[in-house]
Amino acid sequence: MATMKAVRVHSYGGPEVLAYEDAPRPEPKPGEVLIRIAATAVNPVDWKIREGEMKDWLQLPLPLIPGAEFSGVVEEVGAGVSRLKQGDEIYGYTSLMHCSAYAEHIAAKESEVALKPSSLDFVEAASIPVGALTSWQAFDLAGLSAGQKVLIHAAAGGVGSLGAQLAKIRGAYVIGTASARNADFLKALGVDEVIDYTKTRFEEAVKDVDVVFDLIGGETQARSFEVLKKSGFVVSAVHPPPEELLTKYGAQGAMVAVQPNAGQLEEFTGFIESGRLKPLVETVLRLDEAARAQELSQGGRSRGKIVLKVTD
């Protein structure tokens, strides 16, 4: 059996359970492509899976390989693949049910990947799929449209920073919560108002918001209902808005569970090539430094994305 280097979890726990080791190399099934991974990005869901928070939902067998977004080169194509060919440079997101991107190879469905934007290198391209797909699908759920006002929590993070740009592409007025050190950074992305959450309670500074994009949850989500217009929408990437709050405030709400979508990736490529959507990578580490990368992600203070470089 052919092998590859990968980061695997044999038992749930802290960063120390991430083992950089040899693992079986996957083979592409019908409708799949085998990709030589160049880079993979780190997301909060990766360390939540590592800690076992999602084991009952995902039911992934151990040992597992974390990671779901990546860039790389197509090495083999399975039966029935028609859009991609060997040698294509791609980027993509595979569902959490099949996450396995902290590795030298991944087998992904053709419907989960798209040609990489030519203006981006592999590290930059790997930072795009999860944040952009999550944001775009959240805005679809909430019906965000031109002229509306959206409040994005954690706007300087890996998802929020892409969400802010995509909200501007949709023609929305964008308000973002972040620390003071990220104010200029967000203004450069086109954010109209930045609220320093360390000094100001956002519900005292913002009113009549059409959509809240919640990337924090908990108390922040609960307080968000106070800023909504009547029939406003809270869309969360963390947990579903409680029914009692939706009823109390006459609001709408939903949780976005990001789905792979090659067509949307192709749409993002157009935004990227035209300069309207830019990657934001803060830290680049090697694949064998995955534990450190997840510790940085878990600290919750990253600006933009953390990316693991797999091949040169």
C-alpha atoms as a PDB file:
ATOM      1  CA  MET A   1       0.000   0.000   0.000  1.00  0.00           C
ATOM      2  CA  ALA A   2       1.313   3.440  -0.964  1.00  0.00           C
ATOM      3  CA  THR A   3       1.921   5.789   1.959  1.00  0.00           C
ATOM      4  CA  MET A   4       2.174   9.521   2.578  1.00  0.00           C
ATOM      5  CA  LYS A   5       3.054  11.843   5.429  1.00  0.00           C
ATOM      6  CA  ALA A   6       0.040  13.043   7.399  1.00  0.00           C
ATOM      7  CA  VAL A   7      -0.993  14.433  10.768  1.00  0.00           C
ATOM      8  CA  ARG A   8      -3.287  11.996  12.547  1.00  0.00           C
ATOM      9  CA  VAL A   9      -5.321  11.841  15.742  1.00  0.00           C
ATOM     10  CA  HIS A  10      -5.353   8.399  17.407  1.00  0.00           C
ATOM     11  CA  SER A  11      -7.140   9.542  20.586  1.00  0.00           C
ATOM     12  CA  TYR A  12      -8.975  12.755  21.487  1.00  0.00           C
ATOM     13  CA  GLY A  13      -7.141  15.375  23.510  1.00  0.00           C
ATOM     14  CA  GLY A  14      -4.881  18.432  23.361  1.00  0.00           C
ATOM     15  CA  PRO A  15      -2.434  19.455  20.628  1.00  0.00           C
ATOM     16  CA  GLU A  16      -0.011  16.760  21.803  1.00  0.00           C
ATOM     17  CA  VAL A  17      -2.225  14.042  20.277  1.00  0.00           C
ATOM     18  CA  LEU A  18      -1.454  15.284  16.749  1.00  0.00           C
ATOM     19  CA  ALA A  19       1.012  12.756  15.316  1.00  0.00           C
ATOM     20  CA  TYR A  20       3.042  13.506  12.185  1.00  0.00           C
ATOM     21  CA  GLU A  21       3.557  10.075  10.663  1.00  0.00           C
ATOM     22  CA  ASP A  22       3.177   7.741   7.702  1.00  0.00           C
ATOM     23  CA  ALA A  23      -0.410   6.984   6.671  1.00  0.00           C
ATOM     24  CA  PRO A  24      -2.070   5.118   3.785  1.00  0.00           C
ATOM     25  CA  ARG A  25      -2.345   7.234   0.653  1.00  0.00           C
ATOM     26  CA  PRO A  26      -5.932   7.411  -0.628  1.00  0.00           C
ATOM     27  CA  GLU A  27      -7.059   6.222  -4.043  1.00  0.00           C
ATOM     28  CA  PRO A  28      -9.607   8.212  -6.053  1.00  0.00           C
ATOM     29  CA  LYS A  29     -13.048   6.631  -6.346  1.00  0.00           C
ATOM     30  CA  PRO A  30     -15.396   7.286  -9.273  1.00  0.00           C
ATOM     31  CA  GLY A  31     -16.142  11.002  -9.414  1.00  0.00           C
ATOM     32  CA  GLU A  32     -13.053  11.854  -7.337  1.00  0.00           C
ATOM     33  CA  VAL A  33      -9.602  13.270  -8.001  1.00  0.00           C
ATOM     34  CA  LEU A  34      -6.390  12.501  -6.131  1.00  0.00           C
ATOM     35  CA  ILE A  35      -4.704  15.762  -5.159  1.00  0.00           C
ATOM     36  CA  ARG A  36      -1.107  16.336  -4.142  1.00  0.00           C
ATOM     37  CA  ILE A  37      -1.684  18.908  -1.413  1.00  0.00           C
ATOM     38  CA  ALA A  38       0.499  22.008  -1.480  1.00  0.00           C
ATOM     39  CA  ALA A  39      -1.095  23.791   1.489  1.00  0.00           C
ATOM     40  CA  THR A  40      -3.947  23.347   3.945  1.00  0.00           C
ATOM     41  CA  ALA A  41      -5.520  25.940   6.225  1.00  0.00           C
ATOM     42  CA  VAL A  42      -6.279  25.601   9.933  1.00  0.00           C
ATOM     43  CA  ASN A  43      -9.767  26.325  11.273  1.00  0.00           C
ATOM     44  CA  PRO A  44     -11.352  26.246  14.752  1.00  0.00           C
ATOM     45  CA  VAL A  45     -13.384  23.192  13.773  1.00  0.00           C
ATOM     46  CA  ASP A  46     -10.097  21.274  13.375  1.00  0.00           C
ATOM     47  CA  TRP A  47      -9.174  21.503  17.053  1.00  0.00           C
ATOM     48  CA  LYS A  48     -12.786  20.953  18.094  1.00  0.00           C
ATOM     49  CA  ILE A  49     -12.667  17.659  16.200  1.00  0.00           C
ATOM     50  CA  ARG A  50      -9.283  16.863  17.800  1.00  0.00           C
ATOM     51  CA  GLU A  51     -10.727  17.421  21.277  1.00  0.00           C
ATOM     52  CA  GLY A  52     -13.707  15.163  20.560  1.00  0.00           C
ATOM     53  CA  GLU A  53     -16.357  17.917  20.708  1.00  0.00           C
ATOM     54  CA  MET A  54     -17.929  16.726  17.453  1.00  0.00           C
ATOM     55  CA  LYS A  55     -17.419  12.969  17.683  1.00  0.00           C
ATOM     56  CA  ASP A  56     -21.109  12.156  18.234  1.00  0.00           C
ATOM     57  CA  TRP A  57     -22.151  14.220  15.217  1.00  0.00           C
ATOM     58  CA  LEU A  58     -19.400  13.389  12.739  1.00  0.00           C
ATOM     59  CA  GLN A  59     -18.712   9.827  13.928  1.00  0.00           C
ATOM     60  CA  LEU A  60     -15.296   9.821  12.273  1.00  0.00           C
ATOM     61  CA  PRO A  61     -13.308   6.625  12.868  1.00  0.00           C
ATOM     62  CA  LEU A  62      -9.938   6.919  14.600  1.00  0.00           C
ATOM     63  CA  PRO A  63      -7.236   7.479  13.591  1.00  0.00           C
ATOM     64  CA  LEU A  64      -8.443  10.541  11.708  1.00  0.00           C
ATOM     65  CA  ILE A  65      -6.696  13.223   9.679  1.00  0.00           C
ATOM     66  CA  PRO A  66      -8.010  16.754  10.424  1.00  0.00           C
ATOM     67  CA  GLY A  67      -8.444  19.525   7.894  1.00  0.00           C
ATOM     68  CA  ALA A  68     -10.961  20.243   5.158  1.00  0.00           C
ATOM     69  CA  GLU A  69      -9.628  23.089   2.964  1.00  0.00           C
ATOM     70  CA  PHE A  70      -6.601  22.819   0.722  1.00  0.00           C
ATOM     71  CA  SER A  71      -4.832  23.714  -2.497  1.00  0.00           C
ATOM     72  CA  GLY A  72      -2.687  21.539  -4.692  1.00  0.00           C
ATOM     73  CA  VAL A  73      -2.275  19.705  -7.994  1.00  0.00           C
ATOM     74  CA  VAL A  74      -4.425  16.939  -9.467  1.00  0.00           C
ATOM     75  CA  GLU A  75      -2.349  13.752  -9.732  1.00  0.00           C
ATOM     76  CA  GLU A  76      -5.007  11.225 -10.767  1.00  0.00           C
ATOM     77  CA  VAL A  77      -8.618  11.351 -11.875  1.00  0.00           C
ATOM     78  CA  GLY A  78     -11.219   8.711 -11.079  1.00  0.00           C
ATOM     79  CA  ALA A  79     -13.795   7.301 -13.445  1.00  0.00           C
ATOM     80  CA  GLY A  80     -16.452   9.779 -14.523  1.00  0.00           C
ATOM     81  CA  VAL A  81     -14.395  12.909 -13.838  1.00  0.00           C
ATOM     82  CA  SER A  82     -14.829  15.322 -16.755  1.00  0.00           C
ATOM     83  CA  ARG A  83     -14.088  18.868 -15.574  1.00  0.00           C
ATOM     84  CA  LEU A  84     -10.605  18.337 -14.130  1.00  0.00           C
ATOM     85  CA  LYS A  85      -7.478  16.679 -15.477  1.00  0.00           C
ATOM     86  CA  GLN A  86      -4.053  15.607 -14.283  1.00  0.00           C
ATOM     87  CA  GLY A  87      -1.812  18.615 -13.631  1.00  0.00           C
ATOM     88  CA  ASP A  88      -4.614  21.083 -12.856  1.00  0.00           C
ATOM     89  CA  GLU A  89      -3.862  23.470  -9.980  1.00  0.00           C
ATOM     90  CA  ILE A  90      -6.903  23.531  -7.731  1.00  0.00           C
ATOM     91  CA  TYR A  91      -8.319  24.679  -4.397  1.00  0.00           C
ATOM     92  CA  GLY A  92     -11.218  23.240  -2.490  1.00  0.00           C
ATOM     93  CA  TYR A  93     -13.162  22.243   0.575  1.00  0.00           C
ATOM     94  CA  THR A  94     -14.297  18.739   1.400  1.00  0.00           C
ATOM     95  CA  SER A  95     -17.073  18.048   3.862  1.00  0.00           C
ATOM     96  CA  LEU A  96     -16.222  17.539   7.538  1.00  0.00           C
ATOM     97  CA  MET A  97     -17.539  13.997   7.168  1.00  0.00           C
ATOM     98  CA  HIS A  98     -14.497  13.325   4.980  1.00  0.00           C
ATOM     99  CA  CYS A  99     -11.948  15.765   6.384  1.00  0.00           C
ATOM    100  CA  SER A 100      -8.366  14.646   5.757  1.00  0.00           C
ATOM    101  CA  ALA A 101      -6.373  17.618   4.474  1.00  0.00           C
ATOM    102  CA  TYR A 102      -3.470  17.640   6.964  1.00  0.00           C
ATOM    103  CA  ALA A 103      -1.642  15.318   4.593  1.00  0.00           C
ATOM    104  CA  GLU A 104       0.399  15.075   1.415  1.00  0.00           C
ATOM    105  CA  HIS A 105      -2.568  13.708  -0.572  1.00  0.00           C
ATOM    106  CA  ILE A 106      -6.335  13.849  -0.451  1.00  0.00           C
ATOM    107  CA  ALA A 107      -9.062  12.221  -2.547  1.00  0.00           C
ATOM    108  CA  ALA A 108     -11.844  14.746  -3.120  1.00  0.00           C
ATOM    109  CA  LYS A 109     -15.019  14.801  -5.168  1.00  0.00           C
ATOM    110  CA  GLU A 110     -14.770  16.775  -8.385  1.00  0.00           C
ATOM    111  CA  SER A 111     -17.748  18.808  -7.120  1.00  0.00           C
ATOM    112  CA  GLU A 112     -15.673  19.960  -4.111  1.00  0.00           C
ATOM    113  CA  VAL A 113     -12.804  21.645  -5.975  1.00  0.00           C
ATOM    114  CA  ALA A 114     -12.217  24.338  -8.567  1.00  0.00           C
ATOM    115  CA  LEU A 115      -9.278  25.632 -10.552  1.00  0.00           C
ATOM    116  CA  LYS A 116      -7.032  27.783  -8.363  1.00  0.00           C
ATOM    117  CA  PRO A 117      -7.057  31.532  -9.061  1.00  0.00           C
ATOM    118  CA  SER A 118      -3.981  32.194 -11.195  1.00  0.00           C
ATOM    119  CA  SER A 119      -3.160  35.353  -9.220  1.00  0.00           C
ATOM    120  CA  LEU A 120      -2.753  33.423  -5.939  1.00  0.00           C
ATOM    121  CA  ASP A 121      -0.007  31.110  -4.786  1.00  0.00           C
ATOM    122  CA  PHE A 122      -0.927  27.814  -3.135  1.00  0.00           C
ATOM    123  CA  VAL A 123      -0.700  29.164   0.425  1.00  0.00           C
ATOM    124  CA  GLU A 124      -3.033  32.064  -0.378  1.00  0.00           C
ATOM    125  CA  ALA A 125      -5.462  29.824  -2.255  1.00  0.00           C
ATOM    126  CA  ALA A 126      -5.712  27.358   0.643  1.00  0.00           C
ATOM    127  CA  SER A 127      -6.881  30.194   2.906  1.00  0.00           C
ATOM    128  CA  ILE A 128     -10.000  30.969   0.884  1.00  0.00           C
ATOM    129  CA  PRO A 129     -12.541  28.097   0.707  1.00  0.00           C
ATOM    130  CA  VAL A 130     -13.890  27.685   4.268  1.00  0.00           C
ATOM    131  CA  GLY A 131     -14.188  31.379   5.097  1.00  0.00           C
ATOM    132  CA  ALA A 132     -15.619  32.372   1.747  1.00  0.00           C
ATOM    133  CA  LEU A 133     -18.060  29.455   1.462  1.00  0.00           C
ATOM    134  CA  THR A 134     -19.250  29.871   5.064  1.00  0.00           C
ATOM    135  CA  SER A 135     -19.844  33.591   4.591  1.00  0.00           C
ATOM    136  CA  TRP A 136     -21.504  33.341   1.176  1.00  0.00           C
ATOM    137  CA  GLN A 137     -23.816  30.550   2.290  1.00  0.00           C
ATOM    138  CA  ALA A 138     -24.629  32.443   5.503  1.00  0.00           C
ATOM    139  CA  PHE A 139     -25.562  35.527   3.503  1.00  0.00           C
ATOM    140  CA  ASP A 140     -27.712  33.388   1.196  1.00  0.00           C
ATOM    141  CA  LEU A 141     -29.573  32.015   4.231  1.00  0.00           C
ATOM    142  CA  ALA A 142     -30.116  35.510   5.616  1.00  0.00           C
ATOM    143  CA  GLY A 143     -31.010  37.012   2.253  1.00  0.00           C
ATOM    144  CA  LEU A 144     -28.358  39.746   2.554  1.00  0.00           C
ATOM    145  CA  SER A 145     -28.715  42.198  -0.324  1.00  0.00           C
ATOM    146  CA  ALA A 146     -27.527  45.587  -1.522  1.00  0.00           C
ATOM    147  CA  GLY A 147     -28.336  48.475   0.789  1.00  0.00           C
ATOM    148  CA  GLN A 148     -28.806  46.324   3.869  1.00  0.00           C
ATOM    149  CA  LYS A 149     -26.799  46.660   7.068  1.00  0.00           C
ATOM    150  CA  VAL A 150     -24.807  43.669   8.378  1.00  0.00           C
ATOM    151  CA  LEU A 151     -22.952  43.285  11.676  1.00  0.00           C
ATOM    152  CA  ILE A 152     -20.082  40.776  11.559  1.00  0.00           C
ATOM    153  CA  HIS A 153     -18.624  39.558  14.838  1.00  0.00           C
ATOM    154  CA  ALA A 154     -14.896  38.676  14.893  1.00  0.00           C
ATOM    155  CA  ALA A 155     -14.575  40.506  11.599  1.00  0.00           C
ATOM    156  CA  ALA A 156     -10.771  40.322  11.540  1.00  0.00           C
ATOM    157  CA  GLY A 157     -10.630  36.522  11.822  1.00  0.00           C
ATOM    158  CA  GLY A 158     -10.246  33.933   9.086  1.00  0.00           C
ATOM    159  CA  VAL A 159     -13.954  33.758   8.281  1.00  0.00           C
ATOM    160  CA  GLY A 160     -14.923  37.296   9.263  1.00  0.00           C
ATOM    161  CA  SER A 161     -12.303  39.003   7.100  1.00  0.00           C
ATOM    162  CA  LEU A 162     -13.544  37.183   3.998  1.00  0.00           C
ATOM    163  CA  GLY A 163     -17.150  37.692   5.054  1.00  0.00           C
ATOM    164  CA  ALA A 164     -16.602  41.444   5.309  1.00  0.00           C
ATOM    165  CA  GLN A 165     -15.283  41.581   1.755  1.00  0.00           C
ATOM    166  CA  LEU A 166     -18.076  39.403   0.384  1.00  0.00           C
ATOM    167  CA  ALA A 167     -20.705  41.493   2.163  1.00  0.00           C
ATOM    168  CA  LYS A 168     -19.272  44.587   0.449  1.00  0.00           C
ATOM    169  CA  ILE A 169     -19.367  42.744  -2.885  1.00  0.00           C
ATOM    170  CA  ARG A 170     -23.101  42.217  -2.227  1.00  0.00           C
ATOM    171  CA  GLY A 171     -23.477  45.950  -1.690  1.00  0.00           C
ATOM    172  CA  ALA A 172     -24.128  45.855   2.070  1.00  0.00           C
ATOM    173  CA  TYR A 173     -23.160  48.414   4.703  1.00  0.00           C
ATOM    174  CA  VAL A 174     -20.701  46.490   6.887  1.00  0.00           C
ATOM    175  CA  ILE A 175     -20.091  46.901  10.611  1.00  0.00           C
ATOM    176  CA  GLY A 176     -17.447  44.738  12.240  1.00  0.00           C
ATOM    177  CA  THR A 177     -16.490  44.015  15.844  1.00  0.00           C
ATOM    178  CA  ALA A 178     -12.771  43.645  16.507  1.00  0.00           C
ATOM    179  CA  SER A 179     -10.024  44.861  18.811  1.00  0.00           C
ATOM    180  CA  ALA A 180      -8.567  48.324  18.258  1.00  0.00           C
ATOM    181  CA  ARG A 181      -5.400  46.905  16.687  1.00  0.00           C
ATOM    182  CA  ASN A 182      -7.484  45.579  13.783  1.00  0.00           C
ATOM    183  CA  ALA A 183      -9.432  48.758  13.044  1.00  0.00           C
ATOM    184  CA  ASP A 184      -7.195  50.006  10.219  1.00  0.00           C
ATOM    185  CA  PHE A 185      -6.935  46.481   8.833  1.00  0.00           C
ATOM    186  CA  LEU A 186     -10.724  46.230   8.556  1.00  0.00           C
ATOM    187  CA  LYS A 187     -11.113  49.719   7.154  1.00  0.00           C
ATOM    188  CA  ALA A 188      -8.694  48.702   4.384  1.00  0.00           C
ATOM    189  CA  LEU A 189     -11.040  45.801   3.573  1.00  0.00           C
ATOM    190  CA  GLY A 190     -13.897  48.251   3.099  1.00  0.00           C
ATOM    191  CA  VAL A 191     -15.628  47.822   6.468  1.00  0.00           C
ATOM    192  CA  ASP A 192     -17.753  50.941   7.052  1.00  0.00           C
ATOM    193  CA  GLU A 193     -17.719  50.917  10.869  1.00  0.00           C
ATOM    194  CA  VAL A 194     -15.420  49.131  13.326  1.00  0.00           C
ATOM    195  CA  ILE A 195     -16.510  48.649  16.942  1.00  0.00           C
ATOM    196  CA  ASP A 196     -13.767  47.989  19.477  1.00  0.00           C
ATOM    197  CA  TYR A 197     -15.430  45.306  21.568  1.00  0.00           C
ATOM    198  CA  THR A 198     -12.880  45.818  24.375  1.00  0.00           C
ATOM    199  CA  LYS A 199     -14.188  49.349  25.004  1.00  0.00           C
ATOM    200  CA  THR A 200     -17.713  49.499  23.595  1.00  0.00           C
ATOM    201  CA  ARG A 201     -20.727  47.231  23.928  1.00  0.00           C
ATOM    202  CA  PHE A 202     -21.809  46.837  20.337  1.00  0.00           C
ATOM    203  CA  GLU A 203     -25.532  46.862  21.219  1.00  0.00           C
ATOM    204  CA  GLU A 204     -25.101  50.396  22.562  1.00  0.00           C
ATOM    205  CA  ALA A 205     -23.433  51.598  19.350  1.00  0.00           C
ATOM    206  CA  VAL A 206     -25.462  49.865  16.633  1.00  0.00           C
ATOM    207  CA  LYS A 207     -29.173  49.767  15.818  1.00  0.00           C
ATOM    208  CA  ASP A 208     -31.472  48.695  12.977  1.00  0.00           C
ATOM    209  CA  VAL A 209     -29.253  45.950  11.586  1.00  0.00           C
ATOM    210  CA  ASP A 210     -30.741  43.683   8.911  1.00  0.00           C
ATOM    211  CA  VAL A 211     -28.335  40.757   9.411  1.00  0.00           C
ATOM    212  CA  VAL A 212     -25.989  39.673  12.186  1.00  0.00           C
ATOM    213  CA  PHE A 213     -23.272  37.221  11.130  1.00  0.00           C
ATOM    214  CA  ASP A 214     -22.291  35.507  14.390  1.00  0.00           C
ATOM    215  CA  LEU A 215     -18.863  33.864  14.580  1.00  0.00           C
ATOM    216  CA  ILE A 216     -18.596  33.824  18.385  1.00  0.00           C
ATOM    217  CA  GLY A 217     -21.813  32.473  19.893  1.00  0.00           C
ATOM    218  CA  GLY A 218     -22.768  32.507  23.574  1.00  0.00           C
ATOM    219  CA  GLU A 219     -23.401  35.885  25.185  1.00  0.00           C
ATOM    220  CA  THR A 220     -22.334  37.724  22.026  1.00  0.00           C
ATOM    221  CA  GLN A 221     -25.027  35.973  20.019  1.00  0.00           C
ATOM    222  CA  ALA A 222     -27.671  36.630  22.687  1.00  0.00           C
ATOM    223  CA  ARG A 223     -26.838  40.359  22.830  1.00  0.00           C
ATOM    224  CA  SER A 224     -26.980  40.556  19.036  1.00  0.00           C
ATOM    225  CA  PHE A 225     -30.771  40.383  19.024  1.00  0.00           C
ATOM    226  CA  GLU A 226     -30.872  43.858  20.562  1.00  0.00           C
ATOM    227  CA  VAL A 227     -29.400  45.471  17.430  1.00  0.00           C
ATOM    228  CA  LEU A 228     -31.783  43.899  14.907  1.00  0.00           C
ATOM    229  CA  LYS A 229     -34.547  45.503  12.940  1.00  0.00           C
ATOM    230  CA  LYS A 230     -37.941  43.863  13.292  1.00  0.00           C
ATOM    231  CA  SER A 231     -37.729  40.586  11.362  1.00  0.00           C
ATOM    232  CA  GLY A 232     -33.944  40.921  11.202  1.00  0.00           C
ATOM    233  CA  PHE A 233     -31.840  37.796  10.771  1.00  0.00           C
ATOM    234  CA  VAL A 234     -29.166  36.238  13.013  1.00  0.00           C
ATOM    235  CA  VAL A 235     -27.097  33.674  11.106  1.00  0.00           C
ATOM    236  CA  SER A 236     -24.479  31.808  13.114  1.00  0.00           C
ATOM    237  CA  ALA A 237     -21.553  29.583  12.215  1.00  0.00           C
ATOM    238  CA  VAL A 238     -21.273  28.505  15.878  1.00  0.00           C
ATOM    239  CA  HIS A 239     -24.663  27.308  17.118  1.00  0.00           C
ATOM    240  CA  PRO A 240     -28.347  27.779  16.208  1.00  0.00           C
ATOM    241  CA  PRO A 241     -30.024  30.945  17.543  1.00  0.00           C
ATOM    242  CA  PRO A 242     -32.371  29.966  20.421  1.00  0.00           C
ATOM    243  CA  GLU A 243     -36.049  29.794  19.549  1.00  0.00           C
ATOM    244  CA  GLU A 244     -36.995  31.775  22.659  1.00  0.00           C
ATOM    245  CA  LEU A 245     -34.901  34.745  21.524  1.00  0.00           C
ATOM    246  CA  LEU A 246     -36.197  34.548  17.967  1.00  0.00           C
ATOM    247  CA  THR A 247     -39.732  34.698  19.348  1.00  0.00           C
ATOM    248  CA  LYS A 248     -38.975  37.428  21.886  1.00  0.00           C
ATOM    249  CA  TYR A 249     -37.460  39.778  19.307  1.00  0.00           C
ATOM    250  CA  GLY A 250     -39.621  38.801  16.329  1.00  0.00           C
ATOM    251  CA  ALA A 251     -36.438  37.807  14.537  1.00  0.00           C
ATOM    252  CA  GLN A 252     -35.378  35.168  12.061  1.00  0.00           C
ATOM    253  CA  GLY A 253     -32.359  32.944  12.498  1.00  0.00           C
ATOM    254  CA  ALA A 254     -30.435  29.903  11.344  1.00  0.00           C
ATOM    255  CA  MET A 255     -27.106  28.175  11.669  1.00  0.00           C
ATOM    256  CA  VAL A 256     -24.955  27.847   8.570  1.00  0.00           C
ATOM    257  CA  ALA A 257     -23.325  24.433   8.104  1.00  0.00           C
ATOM    258  CA  VAL A 258     -20.849  25.074   5.305  1.00  0.00           C
ATOM    259  CA  GLN A 259     -21.144  22.793   2.287  1.00  0.00           C
ATOM    260  CA  PRO A 260     -18.639  22.096  -0.500  1.00  0.00           C
ATOM    261  CA  ASN A 261     -19.554  23.943  -3.693  1.00  0.00           C
ATOM    262  CA  ALA A 262     -17.275  24.095  -6.732  1.00  0.00           C
ATOM    263  CA  GLY A 263     -19.578  26.555  -8.490  1.00  0.00           C
ATOM    264  CA  GLN A 264     -19.282  29.058  -5.657  1.00  0.00           C
ATOM    265  CA  LEU A 265     -15.498  28.599  -5.598  1.00  0.00           C
ATOM    266  CA  GLU A 266     -15.452  29.481  -9.301  1.00  0.00           C
ATOM    267  CA  GLU A 267     -17.469  32.604  -8.480  1.00  0.00           C
ATOM    268  CA  PHE A 268     -14.917  33.552  -5.791  1.00  0.00           C
ATOM    269  CA  THR A 269     -12.146  33.066  -8.347  1.00  0.00           C
ATOM    270  CA  GLY A 270     -13.760  35.779 -10.434  1.00  0.00           C
ATOM    271  CA  PHE A 271     -13.856  38.110  -7.425  1.00  0.00           C
ATOM    272  CA  ILE A 272     -10.203  37.342  -6.670  1.00  0.00           C
ATOM    273  CA  GLU A 273      -8.952  37.840 -10.226  1.00  0.00           C
ATOM    274  CA  SER A 274     -10.751  41.196 -10.388  1.00  0.00           C
ATOM    275  CA  GLY A 275      -9.154  42.302  -7.095  1.00  0.00           C
ATOM    276  CA  ARG A 276     -12.410  42.444  -5.142  1.00  0.00           C
ATOM    277  CA  LEU A 277     -11.602  39.539  -2.791  1.00  0.00           C
ATOM    278  CA  LYS A 278      -8.175  39.189  -1.197  1.00  0.00           C
ATOM    279  CA  PRO A 279      -6.685  36.382   0.903  1.00  0.00           C
ATOM    280  CA  LEU A 280      -5.484  37.263   4.381  1.00  0.00           C
ATOM    281  CA  VAL A 281      -2.806  34.908   5.687  1.00  0.00           C
ATOM    282  CA  GLU A 282      -1.214  35.777   9.023  1.00  0.00           C
ATOM    283  CA  THR A 283       0.893  32.686   9.777  1.00  0.00           C
ATOM    284  CA  VAL A 284       2.509  29.995   7.616  1.00  0.00           C
ATOM    285  CA  LEU A 285       3.902  26.850   9.259  1.00  0.00           C
ATOM    286  CA  ARG A 286       5.033  23.416   8.094  1.00  0.00           C
ATOM    287  CA  LEU A 287       2.718  20.405   8.182  1.00  0.00           C
ATOM    288  CA  ASP A 288       4.710  18.913  11.047  1.00  0.00           C
ATOM    289  CA  GLU A 289       3.983  22.089  13.057  1.00  0.00           C
ATOM    290  CA  ALA A 290       0.236  21.392  13.097  1.00  0.00           C
ATOM    291  CA  ALA A 291       0.111  21.321  16.900  1.00  0.00           C
ATOM    292  CA  ARG A 292       1.510  24.843  17.127  1.00  0.00           C
ATOM    293  CA  ALA A 293      -0.885  26.008  14.410  1.00  0.00           C
ATOM    294  CA  GLN A 294      -3.895  24.664  16.283  1.00  0.00           C
ATOM    295  CA  GLU A 295      -2.699  26.270  19.505  1.00  0.00           C
ATOM    296  CA  LEU A 296      -2.583  29.624  17.695  1.00  0.00           C
ATOM    297  CA  SER A 297      -6.072  29.047  16.294  1.00  0.00           C
ATOM    298  CA  GLN A 298      -7.410  28.053  19.687  1.00  0.00           C
ATOM    299  CA  GLY A 299      -6.005  31.263  21.188  1.00  0.00           C
ATOM    300  CA  GLY A 300      -8.623  33.130  19.150  1.00  0.00           C
ATOM    301  CA  ARG A 301      -6.528  36.188  18.356  1.00  0.00           C
ATOM    302  CA  SER A 302      -5.404  35.456  14.810  1.00  0.00           C
ATOM    303  CA  ARG A 303      -5.906  38.035  12.079  1.00  0.00           C
ATOM    304  CA  GLY A 304      -6.752  36.262   8.863  1.00  0.00           C
ATOM    305  CA  LYS A 305      -5.780  32.628   8.346  1.00  0.00           C
ATOM    306  CA  ILE A 306      -3.187  30.163   9.594  1.00  0.00           C
ATOM    307  CA  VAL A 307      -1.876  27.932   6.804  1.00  0.00           C
ATOM    308  CA  LEU A 308       0.219  24.757   6.845  1.00  0.00           C
ATOM    309  CA  LYS A 309       2.597  24.496   3.892  1.00  0.00           C
ATOM    310  CA  VAL A 310       2.771  20.853   2.818  1.00  0.00           C
ATOM    311  CA  THR A 311       4.992  20.931  -0.282  1.00  0.00           C
ATOM    312  CA  ASP A 312       7.255  23.524  -1.862  1.00  0.00           C
END
